[in-house]
Each structure stands twice: as C-alpha cells, then as structure tokens.
Amino acid sequence: MIDPEYDLPVKQQAEALGISRSSVYCQPRPVSAEDLWLMRQIDELHLNYPFAGSRMLRDLLSHQGLEEGRRHIRTLMRKMCIEAI
C-alpha cells in the first residue's frame, strides 16, 4: 500500500489513497489476553442482561470477584460495539 522507500512522499501517497497521514504511522496495539478474557465475560453477561450498562456490568463482574473500573468496561464495550438497550 504505502511504501516509505518509494520516490513519492508518504504525504502524497496517503492523499492519493484518501487516508490520513497519521494512520500511516500509527500502528494499532494488540488486545491483551486479560482484556480478551474480560471481553468474553462482558459478552456473556450482555447476552443475559442486554439492558445492563457499564455500571451494572461492573457490579455483576464484582459479584464474580472481578474488580474492574467502569471506564475500562465502557471502553471495552465500545470496542465490542455493545451498548445497553
């Protein structure tokens, strides 16, 4: 796609492809194994309680012995495209 060694500057290559130049340099970080496990737990709870938001999911997870913050749960829910009904 974009080749930094090519004669055309990276900025012009990005413009030609219609993407932002910052997306060329920024590489996404892989999701940690702990977050993947937590996302699976959130998904299971969401299937049982589709009306539960981040606060209720935090409370449900704390009953299972997991102490996670509401903002982290909200971030993972957004990453998974999950929202309360």
PDB file of N, CA and C in Angstrom:
ATOM      1  N   MET A   1       0.825  -1.177   0.000  1.00  0.00           N
ATOM      2  CA  MET A   1       0.000   0.000   0.000  1.00  0.00           C
ATOM      3  C   MET A   1       0.874   1.246   0.000  1.00  0.00           C
ATOM      4  N   ILE A   2       1.351   1.667   1.153  1.00  0.00           N
ATOM      5  CA  ILE A   2       2.222   2.827   1.221  1.00  0.00           C
ATOM      6  C   ILE A   2       3.637   2.327   1.457  1.00  0.00           C
ATOM      7  N   ASP A   3       4.530   2.784   0.591  1.00  0.00           N
ATOM      8  CA  ASP A   3       5.923   2.368   0.675  1.00  0.00           C
ATOM      9  C   ASP A   3       6.777   3.589   0.998  1.00  0.00           C
ATOM     10  N   PRO A   4       7.385   3.628   2.201  1.00  0.00           N
ATOM     11  CA  PRO A   4       8.206   4.776   2.561  1.00  0.00           C
ATOM     12  C   PRO A   4       9.444   4.928   1.679  1.00  0.00           C
ATOM     13  N   GLU A   5       9.884   3.844   1.040  1.00  0.00           N
ATOM     14  CA  GLU A   5      11.074   3.881   0.186  1.00  0.00           C
ATOM     15  C   GLU A   5      10.768   4.362  -1.231  1.00  0.00           C
ATOM     16  N   TYR A   6       9.495   4.523  -1.552  1.00  0.00           N
ATOM     17  CA  TYR A   6       9.088   4.942  -2.896  1.00  0.00           C
ATOM     18  C   TYR A   6       9.470   6.397  -3.123  1.00  0.00           C
ATOM     19  N   ASP A   7       9.606   6.804  -4.391  1.00  0.00           N
ATOM     20  CA  ASP A   7      10.014   8.175  -4.720  1.00  0.00           C
ATOM     21  C   ASP A   7       8.983   9.213  -4.285  1.00  0.00           C
ATOM     22  N   LEU A   8       7.719   8.864  -4.325  1.00  0.00           N
ATOM     23  CA  LEU A   8       6.654   9.790  -3.944  1.00  0.00           C
ATOM     24  C   LEU A   8       6.597   9.905  -2.427  1.00  0.00           C
ATOM     25  N   PRO A   9       6.539  11.118  -1.859  1.00  0.00           N
ATOM     26  CA  PRO A   9       6.489  11.259  -0.396  1.00  0.00           C
ATOM     27  C   PRO A   9       5.272  10.566   0.213  1.00  0.00           C
ATOM     28  N   VAL A  10       5.400  10.197   1.479  1.00  0.00           N
ATOM     29  CA  VAL A  10       4.337   9.483   2.188  1.00  0.00           C
ATOM     30  C   VAL A  10       3.071  10.326   2.214  1.00  0.00           C
ATOM     31  N   LYS A  11       3.212  11.634   2.382  1.00  0.00           N
ATOM     32  CA  LYS A  11       2.050  12.528   2.425  1.00  0.00           C
ATOM     33  C   LYS A  11       1.248  12.433   1.133  1.00  0.00           C
ATOM     34  N   GLN A  12       1.916  12.452   0.001  1.00  0.00           N
ATOM     35  CA  GLN A  12       1.218  12.382  -1.281  1.00  0.00           C
ATOM     36  C   GLN A  12       0.648  10.991  -1.538  1.00  0.00           C
ATOM     37  N   GLN A  13       1.332   9.957  -1.062  1.00  0.00           N
ATOM     38  CA  GLN A  13       0.789   8.612  -1.199  1.00  0.00           C
ATOM     39  C   GLN A  13      -0.505   8.469  -0.398  1.00  0.00           C
ATOM     40  N   ALA A  14      -0.510   9.044   0.820  1.00  0.00           N
ATOM     41  CA  ALA A  14      -1.708   8.982   1.653  1.00  0.00           C
ATOM     42  C   ALA A  14      -2.851   9.762   1.021  1.00  0.00           C
ATOM     43  N   GLU A  15      -2.547  10.923   0.466  1.00  0.00           N
ATOM     44  CA  GLU A  15      -3.587  11.709  -0.201  1.00  0.00           C
ATOM     45  C   GLU A  15      -4.162  10.957  -1.400  1.00  0.00           C
ATOM     46  N   ALA A  16      -3.298  10.283  -2.153  1.00  0.00           N
ATOM     47  CA  ALA A  16      -3.758   9.535  -3.326  1.00  0.00           C
ATOM     48  C   ALA A  16      -4.684   8.390  -2.922  1.00  0.00           C
ATOM     49  N   LEU A  17      -4.419   7.787  -1.759  1.00  0.00           N
ATOM     50  CA  LEU A  17      -5.260   6.692  -1.285  1.00  0.00           C
ATOM     51  C   LEU A  17      -6.481   7.186  -0.518  1.00  0.00           C
ATOM     52  N   GLY A  18      -6.503   8.464  -0.171  1.00  0.00           N
ATOM     53  CA  GLY A  18      -7.644   9.016   0.560  1.00  0.00           C
ATOM     54  C   GLY A  18      -7.657   8.657   2.027  1.00  0.00           C
ATOM     55  N   ILE A  19      -6.473   8.459   2.632  1.00  0.00           N
ATOM     56  CA  ILE A  19      -6.390   8.162   4.055  1.00  0.00           C
ATOM     57  C   ILE A  19      -5.571   9.253   4.736  1.00  0.00           C
ATOM     58  N   SER A  20      -5.738   9.378   6.034  1.00  0.00           N
ATOM     59  CA  SER A  20      -4.974  10.394   6.756  1.00  0.00           C
ATOM     60  C   SER A  20      -3.537   9.927   6.943  1.00  0.00           C
ATOM     61  N   ARG A  21      -2.649  10.892   6.959  1.00  0.00           N
ATOM     62  CA  ARG A  21      -1.230  10.575   7.072  1.00  0.00           C
ATOM     63  C   ARG A  21      -0.898   9.977   8.437  1.00  0.00           C
ATOM     64  N   SER A  22      -1.631  10.394   9.470  1.00  0.00           N
ATOM     65  CA  SER A  22      -1.347   9.868  10.807  1.00  0.00           C
ATOM     66  C   SER A  22      -1.659   8.379  10.906  1.00  0.00           C
ATOM     67  N   SER A  23      -2.614   7.898  10.133  1.00  0.00           N
ATOM     68  CA  SER A  23      -2.931   6.469  10.177  1.00  0.00           C
ATOM     69  C   SER A  23      -1.823   5.625   9.559  1.00  0.00           C
ATOM     70  N   VAL A  24      -0.963   6.248   8.786  1.00  0.00           N
ATOM     71  CA  VAL A  24       0.160   5.520   8.197  1.00  0.00           C
ATOM     72  C   VAL A  24       1.182   5.190   9.275  1.00  0.00           C
ATOM     73  N   TYR A  25       1.410   6.128  10.183  1.00  0.00           N
ATOM     74  CA  TYR A  25       2.438   5.952  11.196  1.00  0.00           C
ATOM     75  C   TYR A  25       1.931   5.252  12.446  1.00  0.00           C
ATOM     76  N   CYS A  26       0.680   5.404  12.754  1.00  0.00           N
ATOM     77  CA  CYS A  26       0.121   4.850  13.978  1.00  0.00           C
ATOM     78  C   CYS A  26      -0.291   3.396  13.749  1.00  0.00           C
ATOM     79  N   GLN A  27       0.338   2.492  14.459  1.00  0.00           N
ATOM     80  CA  GLN A  27       0.002   1.075  14.363  1.00  0.00           C
ATOM     81  C   GLN A  27      -0.868   0.690  15.556  1.00  0.00           C
ATOM     82  N   PRO A  28      -1.987   0.011  15.342  1.00  0.00           N
ATOM     83  CA  PRO A  28      -2.847  -0.376  16.459  1.00  0.00           C
ATOM     84  C   PRO A  28      -2.149  -1.377  17.370  1.00  0.00           C
ATOM     85  N   ARG A  29      -2.417  -1.228  18.674  1.00  0.00           N
ATOM     86  CA  ARG A  29      -1.840  -2.141  19.651  1.00  0.00           C
ATOM     87  C   ARG A  29      -2.704  -3.392  19.757  1.00  0.00           C
ATOM     88  N   PRO A  30      -2.098  -4.551  19.904  1.00  0.00           N
ATOM     89  CA  PRO A  30      -2.909  -5.765  20.078  1.00  0.00           C
ATOM     90  C   PRO A  30      -3.607  -5.757  21.438  1.00  0.00           C
ATOM     91  N   VAL A  31      -4.747  -6.416  21.501  1.00  0.00           N
ATOM     92  CA  VAL A  31      -5.514  -6.500  22.735  1.00  0.00           C
ATOM     93  C   VAL A  31      -4.874  -7.553  23.627  1.00  0.00           C
ATOM     94  N   SER A  32      -4.713  -7.226  24.902  1.00  0.00           N
ATOM     95  CA  SER A  32      -4.063  -8.155  25.828  1.00  0.00           C
ATOM     96  C   SER A  32      -4.964  -9.362  26.095  1.00  0.00           C
ATOM     97  N   ALA A  33      -4.357 -10.424  26.572  1.00  0.00           N
ATOM     98  CA  ALA A  33      -5.103 -11.642  26.880  1.00  0.00           C
ATOM     99  C   ALA A  33      -6.094 -11.403  28.016  1.00  0.00           C
ATOM    100  N   GLU A  34      -5.712 -10.557  28.975  1.00  0.00           N
ATOM    101  CA  GLU A  34      -6.619 -10.242  30.082  1.00  0.00           C
ATOM    102  C   GLU A  34      -7.858  -9.505  29.576  1.00  0.00           C
ATOM    103  N   ASP A  35      -7.653  -8.554  28.662  1.00  0.00           N
ATOM    104  CA  ASP A  35      -8.792  -7.825  28.122  1.00  0.00           C
ATOM    105  C   ASP A  35      -9.678  -8.732  27.269  1.00  0.00           C
ATOM    106  N   LEU A  36      -9.074  -9.654  26.529  1.00  0.00           N
ATOM    107  CA  LEU A  36      -9.876 -10.595  25.742  1.00  0.00           C
ATOM    108  C   LEU A  36     -10.743 -11.459  26.653  1.00  0.00           C
ATOM    109  N   TRP A  37     -10.163 -11.907  27.770  1.00  0.00           N
ATOM    110  CA  TRP A  37     -10.931 -12.712  28.717  1.00  0.00           C
ATOM    111  C   TRP A  37     -12.050 -11.883  29.322  1.00  0.00           C
ATOM    112  N   LEU A  38     -11.749 -10.627  29.685  1.00  0.00           N
ATOM    113  CA  LEU A  38     -12.755  -9.750  30.259  1.00  0.00           C
ATOM    114  C   LEU A  38     -13.850  -9.427  29.239  1.00  0.00           C
ATOM    115  N   MET A  39     -13.475  -9.258  27.986  1.00  0.00           N
ATOM    116  CA  MET A  39     -14.467  -9.002  26.936  1.00  0.00           C
ATOM    117  C   MET A  39     -15.400 -10.204  26.772  1.00  0.00           C
ATOM    118  N   ARG A  40     -14.870 -11.393  26.910  1.00  0.00           N
ATOM    119  CA  ARG A  40     -15.718 -12.595  26.829  1.00  0.00           C
ATOM    120  C   ARG A  40     -16.709 -12.623  27.989  1.00  0.00           C
ATOM    121  N   GLN A  41     -16.261 -12.258  29.193  1.00  0.00           N
ATOM    122  CA  GLN A  41     -17.148 -12.199  30.354  1.00  0.00           C
ATOM    123  C   GLN A  41     -18.234 -11.146  30.146  1.00  0.00           C
ATOM    124  N   ILE A  42     -17.849  -9.999  29.626  1.00  0.00           N
ATOM    125  CA  ILE A  42     -18.813  -8.929  29.362  1.00  0.00           C
ATOM    126  C   ILE A  42     -19.826  -9.392  28.327  1.00  0.00           C
ATOM    127  N   ASP A  43     -19.361 -10.093  27.298  1.00  0.00           N
ATOM    128  CA  ASP A  43     -20.259 -10.574  26.254  1.00  0.00           C
ATOM    129  C   ASP A  43     -21.271 -11.567  26.812  1.00  0.00           C
ATOM    130  N   GLU A  44     -20.820 -12.479  27.667  1.00  0.00           N
ATOM    131  CA  GLU A  44     -21.745 -13.443  28.273  1.00  0.00           C
ATOM    132  C   GLU A  44     -22.783 -12.733  29.139  1.00  0.00           C
ATOM    133  N   LEU A  45     -22.339 -11.752  29.926  1.00  0.00           N
ATOM    134  CA  LEU A  45     -23.284 -11.007  30.756  1.00  0.00           C
ATOM    135  C   LEU A  45     -24.242 -10.188  29.900  1.00  0.00           C
ATOM    136  N   HIS A  46     -23.726  -9.648  28.802  1.00  0.00           N
ATOM    137  CA  HIS A  46     -24.584  -8.841  27.928  1.00  0.00           C
ATOM    138  C   HIS A  46     -25.668  -9.697  27.267  1.00  0.00           C
ATOM    139  N   LEU A  47     -25.360 -10.938  26.966  1.00  0.00           N
ATOM    140  CA  LEU A  47     -26.370 -11.825  26.389  1.00  0.00           C
ATOM    141  C   LEU A  47     -27.484 -12.115  27.396  1.00  0.00           C
ATOM    142  N   ASN A  48     -27.115 -12.222  28.679  1.00  0.00           N
ATOM    143  CA  ASN A  48     -28.117 -12.484  29.712  1.00  0.00           C
ATOM    144  C   ASN A  48     -28.846 -11.221  30.148  1.00  0.00           C
ATOM    145  N   TYR A  49     -28.145 -10.096  30.146  1.00  0.00           N
ATOM    146  CA  TYR A  49     -28.705  -8.819  30.596  1.00  0.00           C
ATOM    147  C   TYR A  49     -28.439  -7.750  29.535  1.00  0.00           C
ATOM    148  N   PRO A  50     -29.207  -7.754  28.430  1.00  0.00           N
ATOM    149  CA  PRO A  50     -28.935  -6.784  27.356  1.00  0.00           C
ATOM    150  C   PRO A  50     -29.231  -5.340  27.758  1.00  0.00           C
ATOM    151  N   PHE A  51     -29.930  -5.143  28.848  1.00  0.00           N
ATOM    152  CA  PHE A  51     -30.264  -3.805  29.314  1.00  0.00           C
ATOM    153  C   PHE A  51     -29.186  -3.236  30.233  1.00  0.00           C
ATOM    154  N   ALA A  52     -28.180  -4.024  30.562  1.00  0.00           N
ATOM    155  CA  ALA A  52     -27.154  -3.607  31.516  1.00  0.00           C
ATOM    156  C   ALA A  52     -26.141  -2.696  30.838  1.00  0.00           C
ATOM    157  N   GLY A  53     -25.883  -1.572  31.469  1.00  0.00           N
ATOM    158  CA  GLY A  53     -24.850  -0.656  31.017  1.00  0.00           C
ATOM    159  C   GLY A  53     -23.530  -0.964  31.711  1.00  0.00           C
ATOM    160  N   SER A  54     -22.593  -0.044  31.579  1.00  0.00           N
ATOM    161  CA  SER A  54     -21.266  -0.285  32.148  1.00  0.00           C
ATOM    162  C   SER A  54     -21.295  -0.360  33.672  1.00  0.00           C
ATOM    163  N   ARG A  55     -22.159   0.426  34.306  1.00  0.00           N
ATOM    164  CA  ARG A  55     -22.224   0.394  35.767  1.00  0.00           C
ATOM    165  C   ARG A  55     -22.786  -0.935  36.272  1.00  0.00           C
ATOM    166  N   MET A  56     -23.837  -1.399  35.634  1.00  0.00           N
ATOM    167  CA  MET A  56     -24.436  -2.651  36.077  1.00  0.00           C
ATOM    168  C   MET A  56     -23.506  -3.831  35.770  1.00  0.00           C
ATOM    169  N   LEU A  57     -22.844  -3.780  34.624  1.00  0.00           N
ATOM    170  CA  LEU A  57     -21.899  -4.848  34.295  1.00  0.00           C
ATOM    171  C   LEU A  57     -20.730  -4.858  35.276  1.00  0.00           C
ATOM    172  N   ARG A  58     -20.286  -3.674  35.688  1.00  0.00           N
ATOM    173  CA  ARG A  58     -19.227  -3.602  36.700  1.00  0.00           C
ATOM    174  C   ARG A  58     -19.676  -4.281  37.983  1.00  0.00           C
ATOM    175  N   ASP A  59     -20.919  -4.009  38.390  1.00  0.00           N
ATOM    176  CA  ASP A  59     -21.434  -4.620  39.610  1.00  0.00           C
ATOM    177  C   ASP A  59     -21.585  -6.133  39.463  1.00  0.00           C
ATOM    178  N   LEU A  60     -22.053  -6.579  38.298  1.00  0.00           N
ATOM    179  CA  LEU A  60     -22.190  -8.016  38.060  1.00  0.00           C
ATOM    180  C   LEU A  60     -20.824  -8.702  38.064  1.00  0.00           C
ATOM    181  N   LEU A  61     -19.827  -8.050  37.500  1.00  0.00           N
ATOM    182  CA  LEU A  61     -18.479  -8.615  37.495  1.00  0.00           C
ATOM    183  C   LEU A  61     -17.878  -8.622  38.897  1.00  0.00           C
ATOM    184  N   SER A  62     -18.231  -7.623  39.706  1.00  0.00           N
ATOM    185  CA  SER A  62     -17.691  -7.600  41.072  1.00  0.00           C
ATOM    186  C   SER A  62     -18.278  -8.731  41.911  1.00  0.00           C
ATOM    187  N   HIS A  63     -19.502  -9.184  41.588  1.00  0.00           N
ATOM    188  CA  HIS A  63     -20.074 -10.343  42.282  1.00  0.00           C
ATOM    189  C   HIS A  63     -19.316 -11.617  41.931  1.00  0.00           C
ATOM    190  N   GLN A  64     -18.654 -11.603  40.765  1.00  0.00           N
ATOM    191  CA  GLN A  64     -17.841 -12.747  40.361  1.00  0.00           C
ATOM    192  C   GLN A  64     -16.407 -12.637  40.887  1.00  0.00           C
ATOM    193  N   GLY A  65     -16.126 -11.552  41.609  1.00  0.00           N
ATOM    194  CA  GLY A  65     -14.800 -11.371  42.183  1.00  0.00           C
ATOM    195  C   GLY A  65     -13.854 -10.553  41.332  1.00  0.00           C
ATOM    196  N   LEU A  66     -14.363  -9.921  40.280  1.00  0.00           N
ATOM    197  CA  LEU A  66     -13.523  -9.103  39.408  1.00  0.00           C
ATOM    198  C   LEU A  66     -13.723  -7.632  39.741  1.00  0.00           C
ATOM    199  N   GLU A  67     -12.660  -6.956  40.090  1.00  0.00           N
ATOM    200  CA  GLU A  67     -12.733  -5.535  40.408  1.00  0.00           C
ATOM    201  C   GLU A  67     -12.178  -4.738  39.236  1.00  0.00           C
ATOM    202  N   GLU A  68     -13.038  -4.368  38.325  1.00  0.00           N
ATOM    203  CA  GLU A  68     -12.661  -3.556  37.172  1.00  0.00           C
ATOM    204  C   GLU A  68     -13.392  -2.231  37.261  1.00  0.00           C
ATOM    205  N   GLY A  69     -12.778  -1.193  36.738  1.00  0.00           N
ATOM    206  CA  GLY A  69     -13.392   0.119  36.742  1.00  0.00           C
ATOM    207  C   GLY A  69     -14.457   0.259  35.668  1.00  0.00           C
ATOM    208  N   ARG A  70     -15.395   1.150  35.918  1.00  0.00           N
ATOM    209  CA  ARG A  70     -16.497   1.359  34.977  1.00  0.00           C
ATOM    210  C   ARG A  70     -15.988   1.892  33.640  1.00  0.00           C
ATOM    211  N   ARG A  71     -15.006   2.765  33.681  1.00  0.00           N
ATOM    212  CA  ARG A  71     -14.496   3.345  32.443  1.00  0.00           C
ATOM    213  C   ARG A  71     -13.801   2.296  31.575  1.00  0.00           C
ATOM    214  N   HIS A  72     -13.100   1.375  32.201  1.00  0.00           N
ATOM    215  CA  HIS A  72     -12.454   0.312  31.432  1.00  0.00           C
ATOM    216  C   HIS A  72     -13.505  -0.593  30.799  1.00  0.00           C
ATOM    217  N   ILE A  73     -14.547  -0.881  31.536  1.00  0.00           N
ATOM    218  CA  ILE A  73     -15.639  -1.697  30.998  1.00  0.00           C
ATOM    219  C   ILE A  73     -16.331  -0.961  29.859  1.00  0.00           C
ATOM    220  N   ARG A  74     -16.537   0.334  30.031  1.00  0.00           N
ATOM    221  CA  ARG A  74     -17.167   1.139  28.974  1.00  0.00           C
ATOM    222  C   ARG A  74     -16.301   1.144  27.719  1.00  0.00           C
ATOM    223  N   THR A  75     -14.983   1.257  27.895  1.00  0.00           N
ATOM    224  CA  THR A  75     -14.064   1.247  26.758  1.00  0.00           C
ATOM    225  C   THR A  75     -14.140  -0.082  26.012  1.00  0.00           C
ATOM    226  N   LEU A  76     -14.159  -1.178  26.756  1.00  0.00           N
ATOM    227  CA  LEU A  76     -14.250  -2.491  26.120  1.00  0.00           C
ATOM    228  C   LEU A  76     -15.597  -2.689  25.438  1.00  0.00           C
ATOM    229  N   MET A  77     -16.661  -2.157  26.046  1.00  0.00           N
ATOM    230  CA  MET A  77     -17.977  -2.257  25.420  1.00  0.00           C
ATOM    231  C   MET A  77     -17.996  -1.513  24.090  1.00  0.00           C
ATOM    232  N   ARG A  78     -17.372  -0.353  24.049  1.00  0.00           N
ATOM    233  CA  ARG A  78     -17.308   0.407  22.792  1.00  0.00           C
ATOM    234  C   ARG A  78     -16.492  -0.332  21.755  1.00  0.00           C
ATOM    235  N   LYS A  79     -15.399  -0.945  22.184  1.00  0.00           N
ATOM    236  CA  LYS A  79     -14.556  -1.707  21.262  1.00  0.00           C
ATOM    237  C   LYS A  79     -15.331  -2.882  20.683  1.00  0.00           C
ATOM    238  N   MET A  80     -16.224  -3.475  21.488  1.00  0.00           N
ATOM    239  CA  MET A  80     -17.021  -4.620  21.060  1.00  0.00           C
ATOM    240  C   MET A  80     -18.325  -4.202  20.377  1.00  0.00           C
ATOM    241  N   CYS A  81     -18.596  -2.894  20.321  1.00  0.00           N
ATOM    242  CA  CYS A  81     -19.833  -2.344  19.749  1.00  0.00           C
ATOM    243  C   CYS A  81     -21.063  -2.864  20.508  1.00  0.00           C
ATOM    244  N   ILE A  82     -20.957  -2.877  21.841  1.00  0.00           N
ATOM    245  CA  ILE A  82     -22.047  -3.302  22.699  1.00  0.00           C
ATOM    246  C   ILE A  82     -22.579  -2.076  23.428  1.00  0.00           C
ATOM    247  N   GLU A  83     -23.880  -1.963  23.481  1.00  0.00           N
ATOM    248  CA  GLU A  83     -24.491  -0.909  24.281  1.00  0.00           C
ATOM    249  C   GLU A  83     -25.784  -1.424  24.882  1.00  0.00           C
ATOM    250  N   ALA A  84     -26.189  -0.792  25.970  1.00  0.00           N
ATOM    251  CA  ALA A  84     -27.391  -1.210  26.657  1.00  0.00           C
ATOM    252  C   ALA A  84     -28.631  -0.849  25.836  1.00  0.00           C
ATOM    253  N   ILE A  85     -29.645  -1.665  25.950  1.00  0.00           N
ATOM    254  CA  ILE A  85     -30.896  -1.402  25.241  1.00  0.00           C
ATOM    255  C   ILE A  85     -31.667  -0.356  26.001  1.00  0.00           C
TER     256      ILE A  85
END
